Amino acid sequence: QVQLVESGGGLVQAGGSLRLSCDASGRTIIDYTMGWFRQAPGKEREFVAGITGWTGRSTYYADSVKDRFTISRDNAKNTIYLQMDSLKPEDTAIYSCATKVVAGISRWAEDYNYWGQGTQVTVSS
């Protein structure tokens, strides 16, 4: 069993930056693919970014955040990050991290096994 806790959310002006953290406990996540998802009010949950296990050699981003967001992992800390730059009001959502036991990044939430509670990100115009 893996427990995930997100942090780093908050209120920021458009054009600003935030770095989200996802701290894992219960077991190492070194071998797990990890993903970030978000859900805005009244909208379905959507994939944001994913990173493969071990060295995190492969990453994948939603088109809406490509070149603005960066996912990374620190295996020594059992933590993944989401660096968000050039934030836009449409990035406002609850951001959640998730683990995927089976190797390979997926855009589909149902492929992920463990989820955190999420952290609120609000971008003002």
Protein backbone atom coordinates (compact mmCIF):
# COMPACT_ATOMS: atom_id res chain seq x y z
CA GLN A 1 0.00 0.00 0.00
CA VAL A 2 1.24 3.44 -0.94
CA GLN A 3 0.14 6.67 0.67
CA LEU A 4 0.54 9.88 -1.31
CA VAL A 5 0.36 13.43 0.03
CA GLU A 6 0.46 16.46 -2.24
CA SER A 7 1.60 19.93 -1.20
CA GLY A 8 2.64 23.21 -2.73
CA GLY A 9 -0.64 24.44 -4.08
CA GLY A 10 -1.92 27.95 -3.55
CA LEU A 11 -3.03 31.19 -5.13
CA VAL A 12 -0.83 32.74 -7.81
CA GLN A 13 -1.23 35.42 -10.45
CA ALA A 14 -1.25 34.55 -14.12
CA GLY A 15 2.29 34.19 -15.40
CA GLY A 16 3.55 33.01 -12.04
CA SER A 17 4.98 29.69 -10.92
CA LEU A 18 4.32 26.99 -8.38
CA ARG A 19 6.05 23.72 -7.54
CA LEU A 20 3.90 20.85 -6.36
CA SER A 21 5.30 17.95 -4.36
CA CYS A 22 3.95 14.46 -3.92
CA ASP A 23 5.44 12.62 -0.95
CA ALA A 24 5.02 8.87 -0.87
CA SER A 25 5.12 6.53 2.11
CA GLY A 26 4.41 2.89 2.79
CA ARG A 27 6.83 1.59 0.21
CA THR A 28 9.34 2.95 -2.24
CA ILE A 29 7.95 4.32 -5.49
CA ILE A 30 11.26 4.04 -7.29
CA ASP A 31 9.89 1.43 -9.68
CA TYR A 32 6.46 3.01 -10.22
CA THR A 33 5.35 5.17 -13.06
CA MET A 34 3.92 8.32 -11.54
CA GLY A 35 1.38 10.76 -12.86
CA TRP A 36 -0.17 14.14 -12.12
CA PHE A 37 -3.84 14.75 -12.87
CA ARG A 38 -6.09 17.73 -12.30
CA GLN A 39 -9.79 18.38 -11.97
CA ALA A 40 -11.41 21.75 -12.38
CA PRO A 41 -14.91 22.51 -11.02
CA GLY A 42 -17.56 20.99 -13.24
CA LYS A 43 -15.01 19.20 -15.41
CA GLU A 44 -13.69 15.68 -15.64
CA ARG A 45 -10.32 14.72 -14.24
CA GLU A 46 -7.61 15.12 -16.86
CA PHE A 47 -4.07 13.88 -17.26
CA VAL A 48 -1.34 16.50 -16.83
CA ALA A 49 2.03 14.73 -16.85
CA GLY A 50 3.65 11.35 -16.28
CA ILE A 51 7.13 10.01 -15.57
CA THR A 52 8.47 6.49 -15.77
CA GLY A 53 10.03 4.65 -12.85
CA TRP A 54 13.67 4.28 -11.81
CA THR A 55 15.60 7.10 -13.55
CA GLY A 56 12.48 8.79 -14.88
CA ARG A 57 14.01 8.75 -18.33
CA SER A 58 10.67 9.18 -20.08
CA THR A 59 8.13 11.88 -19.46
CA TYR A 60 4.88 12.77 -21.18
CA TYR A 61 2.73 15.88 -21.01
CA ALA A 62 -0.73 16.96 -21.97
CA ASP A 63 -0.65 19.38 -24.88
CA SER A 64 -2.18 22.09 -22.70
CA VAL A 65 0.83 22.14 -20.34
CA LYS A 66 3.68 21.15 -22.63
CA ASP A 67 6.66 23.54 -22.43
CA ARG A 68 5.21 25.11 -19.26
CA PHE A 69 5.16 22.25 -16.76
CA THR A 70 7.97 19.86 -15.80
CA ILE A 71 7.58 16.59 -13.93
CA SER A 72 10.52 15.12 -12.05
CA ARG A 73 11.31 12.61 -9.34
CA ASP A 74 13.71 12.36 -6.41
CA ASN A 75 13.95 8.68 -5.54
CA ALA A 76 16.05 9.33 -2.45
CA LYS A 77 13.16 11.36 -1.04
CA ASN A 78 10.44 9.11 -2.45
CA THR A 79 8.91 12.23 -3.95
CA ILE A 80 7.80 13.52 -7.32
CA TYR A 81 7.40 17.14 -8.32
CA LEU A 82 5.47 19.22 -10.80
CA GLN A 83 7.10 22.53 -11.65
CA MET A 84 4.46 24.80 -13.14
CA ASP A 85 5.56 27.96 -14.94
CA SER A 86 3.71 30.57 -16.97
CA LEU A 87 0.50 29.66 -15.18
CA LYS A 88 -2.82 30.56 -16.74
CA PRO A 89 -6.28 30.96 -15.17
CA GLU A 90 -7.36 27.80 -16.99
CA ASP A 91 -4.79 25.86 -14.95
CA THR A 92 -6.96 26.38 -11.87
CA ALA A 93 -7.87 22.95 -10.49
CA ILE A 94 -7.23 20.41 -7.78
CA TYR A 95 -4.00 18.62 -8.66
CA SER A 96 -3.48 15.01 -7.60
CA CYS A 97 -0.62 12.60 -7.97
CA ALA A 98 -1.01 8.88 -8.58
CA THR A 99 1.03 5.72 -8.90
CA LYS A 100 0.83 3.21 -11.70
CA VAL A 101 2.10 -0.23 -10.74
CA VAL A 102 2.29 -1.52 -14.29
CA ALA A 103 5.14 0.08 -16.22
CA GLY A 104 4.45 2.71 -18.84
CA ILE A 105 2.83 6.14 -18.76
CA SER A 106 -0.90 6.27 -19.33
CA ARG A 107 -3.26 9.20 -19.82
CA TRP A 108 -6.13 7.27 -18.29
CA ALA A 109 -6.90 7.69 -14.60
CA GLU A 110 -8.29 4.17 -14.32
CA ASP A 111 -4.83 2.76 -15.03
CA TYR A 112 -3.45 4.28 -11.82
CA ASN A 113 -3.63 2.41 -8.54
CA TYR A 114 -3.03 4.81 -5.64
CA TRP A 115 -4.05 8.44 -5.35
CA GLY A 116 -3.39 11.38 -3.09
CA GLN A 117 -6.07 13.75 -1.81
CA GLY A 118 -4.97 16.60 -4.02
CA THR A 119 -3.86 20.20 -3.60
CA GLN A 120 -5.71 23.28 -4.83
CA VAL A 121 -4.08 25.52 -7.41
CA THR A 122 -5.79 28.81 -8.18
CA VAL A 123 -4.50 31.16 -10.86
CA SER A 124 -5.93 34.68 -10.90
CA SER A 125 -6.09 36.82 -14.02
